């Protein structure tokens, strides 16, 4: 199992900030997500859908926290051993 950590921008009360969200995934899924955010994904169509799902995850995390996710602001995707 791996922890996948997304770092991105948020907005609250008109002020922009930085936040992160972490999710625990199986090794192969974590690798696929990391690759989807790379420069040359093996399967661009699959990468697109994985990126969209990751953005949705970050968006949901921020709305649960009472903040807004800034569109297309994912700055980094880290994969660490759980």
PDB file of N, CA and C in Angstrom:
ATOM      1  N   UNK A   1       0.835  -1.182   0.000  1.00  0.00           N
ATOM      2  CA  UNK A   1       0.000   0.000   0.000  1.00  0.00           C
ATOM      3  C   UNK A   1       0.883   1.250   0.000  1.00  0.00           C
ATOM      4  N   UNK A   2       0.371   2.264  -0.674  1.00  0.00           N
ATOM      5  CA  UNK A   2       1.099   3.538  -0.793  1.00  0.00           C
ATOM      6  C   UNK A   2       0.175   4.692  -0.426  1.00  0.00           C
ATOM      7  N   UNK A   3       0.756   5.739   0.134  1.00  0.00           N
ATOM      8  CA  UNK A   3       0.046   6.998   0.340  1.00  0.00           C
ATOM      9  C   UNK A   3       0.330   7.882  -0.862  1.00  0.00           C
ATOM     10  N   UNK A   4      -0.716   8.390  -1.471  1.00  0.00           N
ATOM     11  CA  UNK A   4      -0.569   9.337  -2.574  1.00  0.00           C
ATOM     12  C   UNK A   4      -0.980  10.699  -2.023  1.00  0.00           C
ATOM     13  N   UNK A   5      -0.069  11.663  -2.141  1.00  0.00           N
ATOM     14  CA  UNK A   5      -0.281  12.994  -1.567  1.00  0.00           C
ATOM     15  C   UNK A   5      -0.320  14.015  -2.702  1.00  0.00           C
ATOM     16  N   UNK A   6      -1.440  14.715  -2.790  1.00  0.00           N
ATOM     17  CA  UNK A   6      -1.633  15.762  -3.787  1.00  0.00           C
ATOM     18  C   UNK A   6      -1.457  17.117  -3.114  1.00  0.00           C
ATOM     19  N   UNK A   7      -0.687  18.001  -3.708  1.00  0.00           N
ATOM     20  CA  UNK A   7      -0.533  19.374  -3.213  1.00  0.00           C
ATOM     21  C   UNK A   7      -1.124  20.309  -4.261  1.00  0.00           C
ATOM     22  N   UNK A   8      -1.933  21.261  -3.806  1.00  0.00           N
ATOM     23  CA  UNK A   8      -2.679  22.120  -4.722  1.00  0.00           C
ATOM     24  C   UNK A   8      -3.053  23.420  -4.021  1.00  0.00           C
ATOM     25  N   UNK A   9      -3.671  24.337  -4.771  1.00  0.00           N
ATOM     26  CA  UNK A   9      -4.104  25.620  -4.227  1.00  0.00           C
ATOM     27  C   UNK A   9      -5.568  25.568  -3.807  1.00  0.00           C
ATOM     28  N   UNK A  10      -5.871  26.360  -2.778  1.00  0.00           N
ATOM     29  CA  UNK A  10      -7.240  26.488  -2.286  1.00  0.00           C
ATOM     30  C   UNK A  10      -7.594  27.967  -2.171  1.00  0.00           C
ATOM     31  N   UNK A  11      -8.866  28.204  -1.958  1.00  0.00           N
ATOM     32  CA  UNK A  11      -9.314  29.579  -1.725  1.00  0.00           C
ATOM     33  C   UNK A  11     -10.365  29.568  -0.620  1.00  0.00           C
ATOM     34  N   UNK A  12     -10.223  30.536   0.296  1.00  0.00           N
ATOM     35  CA  UNK A  12     -11.177  30.683   1.387  1.00  0.00           C
ATOM     36  C   UNK A  12     -11.253  32.158   1.748  1.00  0.00           C
ATOM     37  N   UNK A  13     -12.446  32.688   1.803  1.00  0.00           N
ATOM     38  CA  UNK A  13     -12.657  34.111   2.117  1.00  0.00           C
ATOM     39  C   UNK A  13     -11.833  35.020   1.213  1.00  0.00           C
ATOM     40  N   UNK A  14     -11.734  34.641  -0.053  1.00  0.00           N
ATOM     41  CA  UNK A  14     -11.000  35.456  -1.022  1.00  0.00           C
ATOM     42  C   UNK A  14      -9.488  35.336  -0.958  1.00  0.00           C
ATOM     43  N   UNK A  15      -8.975  34.546  -0.029  1.00  0.00           N
ATOM     44  CA  UNK A  15      -7.524  34.377   0.099  1.00  0.00           C
ATOM     45  C   UNK A  15      -7.109  33.014  -0.418  1.00  0.00           C
ATOM     46  N   UNK A  16      -6.042  33.035  -1.183  1.00  0.00           N
ATOM     47  CA  UNK A  16      -5.504  31.808  -1.759  1.00  0.00           C
ATOM     48  C   UNK A  16      -4.480  31.198  -0.819  1.00  0.00           C
ATOM     49  N   UNK A  17      -4.473  29.886  -0.746  1.00  0.00           N
ATOM     50  CA  UNK A  17      -3.513  29.171   0.081  1.00  0.00           C
ATOM     51  C   UNK A  17      -3.148  27.850  -0.567  1.00  0.00           C
ATOM     52  N   UNK A  18      -2.339  27.083   0.121  1.00  0.00           N
ATOM     53  CA  UNK A  18      -1.904  25.783  -0.380  1.00  0.00           C
ATOM     54  C   UNK A  18      -2.371  24.714   0.592  1.00  0.00           C
ATOM     55  N   UNK A  19      -2.761  23.580   0.059  1.00  0.00           N
ATOM     56  CA  UNK A  19      -3.229  22.476   0.888  1.00  0.00           C
ATOM     57  C   UNK A  19      -2.790  21.158   0.268  1.00  0.00           C
ATOM     58  N   UNK A  20      -3.006  20.087   1.016  1.00  0.00           N
ATOM     59  CA  UNK A  20      -2.740  18.766   0.453  1.00  0.00           C
ATOM     60  C   UNK A  20      -3.827  17.804   0.905  1.00  0.00           C
ATOM     61  N   UNK A  21      -3.975  16.753   0.147  1.00  0.00           N
ATOM     62  CA  UNK A  21      -4.899  15.676   0.466  1.00  0.00           C
ATOM     63  C   UNK A  21      -4.164  14.371   0.225  1.00  0.00           C
ATOM     64  N   UNK A  22      -4.423  13.392   1.076  1.00  0.00           N
ATOM     65  CA  UNK A  22      -3.726  12.115   0.978  1.00  0.00           C
ATOM     66  C   UNK A  22      -4.752  10.989   0.913  1.00  0.00           C
ATOM     67  N   UNK A  23      -4.424   9.986   0.113  1.00  0.00           N
ATOM     68  CA  UNK A  23      -5.284   8.812  -0.001  1.00  0.00           C
ATOM     69  C   UNK A  23      -4.405   7.563  -0.032  1.00  0.00           C
ATOM     70  N   UNK A  24      -4.849   6.526   0.628  1.00  0.00           N
ATOM     71  CA  UNK A  24      -4.146   5.247   0.672  1.00  0.00           C
ATOM     72  C   UNK A  24      -4.631   4.374  -0.486  1.00  0.00           C
ATOM     73  N   UNK A  25      -3.694   3.913  -1.310  1.00  0.00           N
ATOM     74  CA  UNK A  25      -4.039   3.121  -2.496  1.00  0.00           C
ATOM     75  C   UNK A  25      -3.142   1.897  -2.624  1.00  0.00           C
ATOM     76  N   UNK A  26      -3.629   0.934  -3.386  1.00  0.00           N
ATOM     77  CA  UNK A  26      -2.809  -0.216  -3.750  1.00  0.00           C
ATOM     78  C   UNK A  26      -1.629   0.276  -4.585  1.00  0.00           C
ATOM     79  N   UNK A  27      -0.516  -0.435  -4.539  1.00  0.00           N
ATOM     80  CA  UNK A  27       0.711  -0.019  -5.221  1.00  0.00           C
ATOM     81  C   UNK A  27       0.506   0.265  -6.710  1.00  0.00           C
ATOM     82  N   UNK A  28      -0.201  -0.619  -7.409  1.00  0.00           N
ATOM     83  CA  UNK A  28      -0.364  -0.431  -8.849  1.00  0.00           C
ATOM     84  C   UNK A  28      -1.216   0.794  -9.178  1.00  0.00           C
ATOM     85  N   UNK A  29      -2.213   1.064  -8.359  1.00  0.00           N
ATOM     86  CA  UNK A  29      -3.064   2.237  -8.577  1.00  0.00           C
ATOM     87  C   UNK A  29      -2.288   3.526  -8.296  1.00  0.00           C
ATOM     88  N   UNK A  30      -1.475   3.513  -7.246  1.00  0.00           N
ATOM     89  CA  UNK A  30      -0.642   4.684  -6.920  1.00  0.00           C
ATOM     90  C   UNK A  30       0.342   4.967  -8.052  1.00  0.00           C
ATOM     91  N   UNK A  31       0.930   3.922  -8.600  1.00  0.00           N
ATOM     92  CA  UNK A  31       1.868   4.084  -9.708  1.00  0.00           C
ATOM     93  C   UNK A  31       1.169   4.671 -10.927  1.00  0.00           C
ATOM     94  N   UNK A  32      -0.041   4.202 -11.221  1.00  0.00           N
ATOM     95  CA  UNK A  32      -0.795   4.696 -12.369  1.00  0.00           C
ATOM     96  C   UNK A  32      -1.145   6.178 -12.208  1.00  0.00           C
ATOM     97  N   UNK A  33      -1.518   6.578 -11.006  1.00  0.00           N
ATOM     98  CA  UNK A  33      -1.852   7.989 -10.771  1.00  0.00           C
ATOM     99  C   UNK A  33      -0.615   8.858 -10.888  1.00  0.00           C
ATOM    100  N   UNK A  34       0.489   8.417 -10.315  1.00  0.00           N
ATOM    101  CA  UNK A  34       1.739   9.173 -10.429  1.00  0.00           C
ATOM    102  C   UNK A  34       2.115   9.341 -11.903  1.00  0.00           C
ATOM    103  N   UNK A  35       1.996   8.270 -12.673  1.00  0.00           N
ATOM    104  CA  UNK A  35       2.315   8.315 -14.104  1.00  0.00           C
ATOM    105  C   UNK A  35       1.360   9.246 -14.857  1.00  0.00           C
ATOM    106  N   UNK A  36       0.091   9.264 -14.460  1.00  0.00           N
ATOM    107  CA  UNK A  36      -0.900  10.110 -15.133  1.00  0.00           C
ATOM    108  C   UNK A  36      -0.543  11.591 -15.033  1.00  0.00           C
ATOM    109  N   UNK A  37       0.148  11.982 -13.991  1.00  0.00           N
ATOM    110  CA  UNK A  37       0.549  13.376 -13.815  1.00  0.00           C
ATOM    111  C   UNK A  37       1.950  13.649 -14.372  1.00  0.00           C
ATOM    112  N   UNK A  38       2.571  12.637 -14.965  1.00  0.00           N
ATOM    113  CA  UNK A  38       3.894  12.797 -15.564  1.00  0.00           C
ATOM    114  C   UNK A  38       3.811  13.447 -16.937  1.00  0.00           C
ATOM    115  N   UNK A  39       4.960  13.700 -17.515  1.00  0.00           N
ATOM    116  CA  UNK A  39       5.015  14.388 -18.810  1.00  0.00           C
ATOM    117  C   UNK A  39       4.539  13.538 -19.979  1.00  0.00           C
ATOM    118  N   UNK A  40       4.852  12.242 -19.969  1.00  0.00           N
ATOM    119  CA  UNK A  40       4.511  11.382 -21.097  1.00  0.00           C
ATOM    120  C   UNK A  40       3.855  10.092 -20.597  1.00  0.00           C
ATOM    121  N   UNK A  41       2.566  10.164 -20.228  1.00  0.00           N
ATOM    122  CA  UNK A  41       1.902   8.948 -19.760  1.00  0.00           C
ATOM    123  C   UNK A  41       1.815   7.899 -20.868  1.00  0.00           C
ATOM    124  N   UNK A  42       1.885   6.656 -20.469  1.00  0.00           N
ATOM    125  CA  UNK A  42       1.842   5.547 -21.431  1.00  0.00           C
ATOM    126  C   UNK A  42       0.530   5.535 -22.223  1.00  0.00           C
ATOM    127  N   UNK A  43      -0.575   5.746 -21.529  1.00  0.00           N
ATOM    128  CA  UNK A  43      -1.896   5.776 -22.171  1.00  0.00           C
ATOM    129  C   UNK A  43      -2.549   7.126 -21.854  1.00  0.00           C
ATOM    130  N   UNK A  44      -2.473   8.090 -22.771  1.00  0.00           N
ATOM    131  CA  UNK A  44      -2.991   9.438 -22.504  1.00  0.00           C
ATOM    132  C   UNK A  44      -4.479   9.487 -22.137  1.00  0.00           C
ATOM    133  N   UNK A  45      -5.282   8.608 -22.710  1.00  0.00           N
ATOM    134  CA  UNK A  45      -6.714   8.605 -22.404  1.00  0.00           C
ATOM    135  C   UNK A  45      -6.963   8.151 -20.975  1.00  0.00           C
ATOM    136  N   UNK A  46      -6.302   7.085 -20.577  1.00  0.00           N
ATOM    137  CA  UNK A  46      -6.424   6.595 -19.200  1.00  0.00           C
ATOM    138  C   UNK A  46      -5.890   7.652 -18.227  1.00  0.00           C
ATOM    139  N   UNK A  47      -4.787   8.279 -18.587  1.00  0.00           N
ATOM    140  CA  UNK A  47      -4.189   9.313 -17.735  1.00  0.00           C
ATOM    141  C   UNK A  47      -5.146  10.471 -17.526  1.00  0.00           C
ATOM    142  N   UNK A  48      -5.837  10.870 -18.595  1.00  0.00           N
ATOM    143  CA  UNK A  48      -6.806  11.967 -18.488  1.00  0.00           C
ATOM    144  C   UNK A  48      -7.869  11.649 -17.438  1.00  0.00           C
ATOM    145  N   UNK A  49      -8.452  10.464 -17.511  1.00  0.00           N
ATOM    146  CA  UNK A  49      -9.517  10.097 -16.575  1.00  0.00           C
ATOM    147  C   UNK A  49      -8.994   9.954 -15.150  1.00  0.00           C
ATOM    148  N   UNK A  50      -7.775   9.442 -14.977  1.00  0.00           N
ATOM    149  CA  UNK A  50      -7.202   9.364 -13.637  1.00  0.00           C
ATOM    150  C   UNK A  50      -6.961  10.756 -13.070  1.00  0.00           C
ATOM    151  N   UNK A  51      -6.459  11.684 -13.907  1.00  0.00           N
ATOM    152  CA  UNK A  51      -6.251  13.060 -13.442  1.00  0.00           C
ATOM    153  C   UNK A  51      -7.577  13.698 -13.042  1.00  0.00           C
ATOM    154  N   UNK A  52      -8.615  13.491 -13.848  1.00  0.00           N
ATOM    155  CA  UNK A  52      -9.926  14.058 -13.529  1.00  0.00           C
ATOM    156  C   UNK A  52     -10.476  13.501 -12.216  1.00  0.00           C
ATOM    157  N   UNK A  53     -10.272  12.238 -11.976  1.00  0.00           N
ATOM    158  CA  UNK A  53     -10.728  11.634 -10.714  1.00  0.00           C
ATOM    159  C   UNK A  53      -9.941  12.188  -9.537  1.00  0.00           C
ATOM    160  N   UNK A  54      -8.635  12.386  -9.723  1.00  0.00           N
ATOM    161  CA  UNK A  54      -7.801  12.957  -8.657  1.00  0.00           C
ATOM    162  C   UNK A  54      -8.230  14.393  -8.359  1.00  0.00           C
ATOM    163  N   UNK A  55      -8.514  15.159  -9.402  1.00  0.00           N
ATOM    164  CA  UNK A  55      -8.987  16.535  -9.214  1.00  0.00           C
ATOM    165  C   UNK A  55     -10.315  16.521  -8.448  1.00  0.00           C
ATOM    166  N   UNK A  56     -11.195  15.610  -8.793  1.00  0.00           N
ATOM    167  CA  UNK A  56     -12.468  15.481  -8.081  1.00  0.00           C
ATOM    168  C   UNK A  56     -12.264  15.134  -6.616  1.00  0.00           C
ATOM    169  N   UNK A  57     -11.292  14.285  -6.330  1.00  0.00           N
ATOM    170  CA  UNK A  57     -10.967  13.934  -4.951  1.00  0.00           C
ATOM    171  C   UNK A  57     -10.494  15.162  -4.185  1.00  0.00           C
ATOM    172  N   UNK A  58      -9.577  15.933  -4.770  1.00  0.00           N
ATOM    173  CA  UNK A  58      -9.063  17.144  -4.113  1.00  0.00           C
ATOM    174  C   UNK A  58     -10.186  18.158  -3.926  1.00  0.00           C
ATOM    175  N   UNK A  59     -11.021  18.333  -4.941  1.00  0.00           N
ATOM    176  CA  UNK A  59     -12.151  19.244  -4.872  1.00  0.00           C
ATOM    177  C   UNK A  59     -13.065  18.864  -3.708  1.00  0.00           C
ATOM    178  N   UNK A  60     -13.378  17.577  -3.593  1.00  0.00           N
ATOM    179  CA  UNK A  60     -14.255  17.101  -2.523  1.00  0.00           C
ATOM    180  C   UNK A  60     -13.629  17.322  -1.149  1.00  0.00           C
ATOM    181  N   UNK A  61     -12.354  17.034  -1.018  1.00  0.00           N
ATOM    182  CA  UNK A  61     -11.675  17.242   0.267  1.00  0.00           C
ATOM    183  C   UNK A  61     -11.768  18.697   0.704  1.00  0.00           C
ATOM    184  N   UNK A  62     -11.559  19.612  -0.213  1.00  0.00           N
ATOM    185  CA  UNK A  62     -11.601  21.032   0.138  1.00  0.00           C
ATOM    186  C   UNK A  62     -13.010  21.495   0.480  1.00  0.00           C
ATOM    187  N   UNK A  63     -14.006  21.012  -0.203  1.00  0.00           N
ATOM    188  CA  UNK A  63     -15.378  21.413   0.122  1.00  0.00           C
ATOM    189  C   UNK A  63     -15.797  20.852   1.472  1.00  0.00           C
ATOM    190  N   UNK A  64     -15.336  19.671   1.816  1.00  0.00           N
ATOM    191  CA  UNK A  64     -15.597  19.132   3.158  1.00  0.00           C
ATOM    192  C   UNK A  64     -14.927  20.013   4.214  1.00  0.00           C
ATOM    193  N   UNK A  65     -13.765  20.571   3.896  1.00  0.00           N
ATOM    194  CA  UNK A  65     -13.039  21.457   4.815  1.00  0.00           C
ATOM    195  C   UNK A  65     -13.602  22.879   4.833  1.00  0.00           C
ATOM    196  N   UNK A  66     -14.556  23.161   3.958  1.00  0.00           N
ATOM    197  CA  UNK A  66     -15.152  24.489   3.918  1.00  0.00           C
ATOM    198  C   UNK A  66     -14.372  25.481   3.071  1.00  0.00           C
ATOM    199  N   UNK A  67     -13.537  24.967   2.187  1.00  0.00           N
ATOM    200  CA  UNK A  67     -12.744  25.820   1.300  1.00  0.00           C
ATOM    201  C   UNK A  67     -13.048  25.442  -0.140  1.00  0.00           C
ATOM    202  N   UNK A  68     -12.476  26.187  -1.068  1.00  0.00           N
ATOM    203  CA  UNK A  68     -12.638  25.885  -2.475  1.00  0.00           C
ATOM    204  C   UNK A  68     -11.334  25.400  -3.084  1.00  0.00           C
ATOM    205  N   UNK A  69     -11.436  24.459  -3.998  1.00  0.00           N
ATOM    206  CA  UNK A  69     -10.282  23.973  -4.750  1.00  0.00           C
ATOM    207  C   UNK A  69     -10.093  24.892  -5.954  1.00  0.00           C
ATOM    208  N   UNK A  70      -8.868  25.334  -6.209  1.00  0.00           N
ATOM    209  CA  UNK A  70      -8.569  26.174  -7.368  1.00  0.00           C
ATOM    210  C   UNK A  70      -8.336  25.260  -8.567  1.00  0.00           C
ATOM    211  N   UNK A  71      -9.145  25.448  -9.610  1.00  0.00           N
ATOM    212  CA  UNK A  71      -9.071  24.589 -10.797  1.00  0.00           C
ATOM    213  C   UNK A  71      -7.653  24.476 -11.354  1.00  0.00           C
ATOM    214  N   UNK A  72      -7.300  23.262 -11.762  1.00  0.00           N
ATOM    215  CA  UNK A  72      -6.012  22.955 -12.398  1.00  0.00           C
ATOM    216  C   UNK A  72      -4.813  23.428 -11.583  1.00  0.00           C
ATOM    217  N   UNK A  73      -4.892  23.279 -10.269  1.00  0.00           N
ATOM    218  CA  UNK A  73      -3.809  23.793  -9.424  1.00  0.00           C
ATOM    219  C   UNK A  73      -2.956  22.702  -8.776  1.00  0.00           C
ATOM    220  N   UNK A  74      -3.152  21.448  -9.148  1.00  0.00           N
ATOM    221  CA  UNK A  74      -2.327  20.395  -8.537  1.00  0.00           C
ATOM    222  C   UNK A  74      -0.870  20.650  -8.917  1.00  0.00           C
ATOM    223  N   UNK A  75      -0.046  20.857  -7.885  1.00  0.00           N
ATOM    224  CA  UNK A  75       1.361  21.210  -8.075  1.00  0.00           C
ATOM    225  C   UNK A  75       2.267  19.991  -8.025  1.00  0.00           C
ATOM    226  N   UNK A  76       1.886  19.029  -7.177  1.00  0.00           N
ATOM    227  CA  UNK A  76       2.723  17.842  -7.059  1.00  0.00           C
ATOM    228  C   UNK A  76       1.895  16.638  -6.641  1.00  0.00           C
ATOM    229  N   UNK A  77       2.406  15.478  -7.016  1.00  0.00           N
ATOM    230  CA  UNK A  77       1.830  14.197  -6.632  1.00  0.00           C
ATOM    231  C   UNK A  77       2.970  13.361  -6.099  1.00  0.00           C
ATOM    232  N   UNK A  78       2.941  13.072  -4.804  1.00  0.00           N
ATOM    233  CA  UNK A  78       3.988  12.262  -4.176  1.00  0.00           C
ATOM    234  C   UNK A  78       3.421  10.893  -3.835  1.00  0.00           C
ATOM    235  N   UNK A  79       4.256   9.884  -3.956  1.00  0.00           N
ATOM    236  CA  UNK A  79       3.872   8.535  -3.567  1.00  0.00           C
ATOM    237  C   UNK A  79       4.857   8.078  -2.519  1.00  0.00           C
ATOM    238  N   UNK A  80       4.336   7.705  -1.341  1.00  0.00           N
ATOM    239  CA  UNK A  80       5.178   7.262  -0.231  1.00  0.00           C
ATOM    240  C   UNK A  80       4.661   5.941   0.325  1.00  0.00           C
ATOM    241  N   UNK A  81       5.565   5.179   0.856  1.00  0.00           N
ATOM    242  CA  UNK A  81       5.211   3.902   1.480  1.00  0.00           C
ATOM    243  C   UNK A  81       4.281   4.144   2.665  1.00  0.00           C
ATOM    244  N   UNK A  82       3.248   3.342   2.776  1.00  0.00           N
ATOM    245  CA  UNK A  82       2.282   3.505   3.882  1.00  0.00           C
ATOM    246  C   UNK A  82       2.825   2.905   5.165  1.00  0.00           C
TER     247      UNK A  82
END
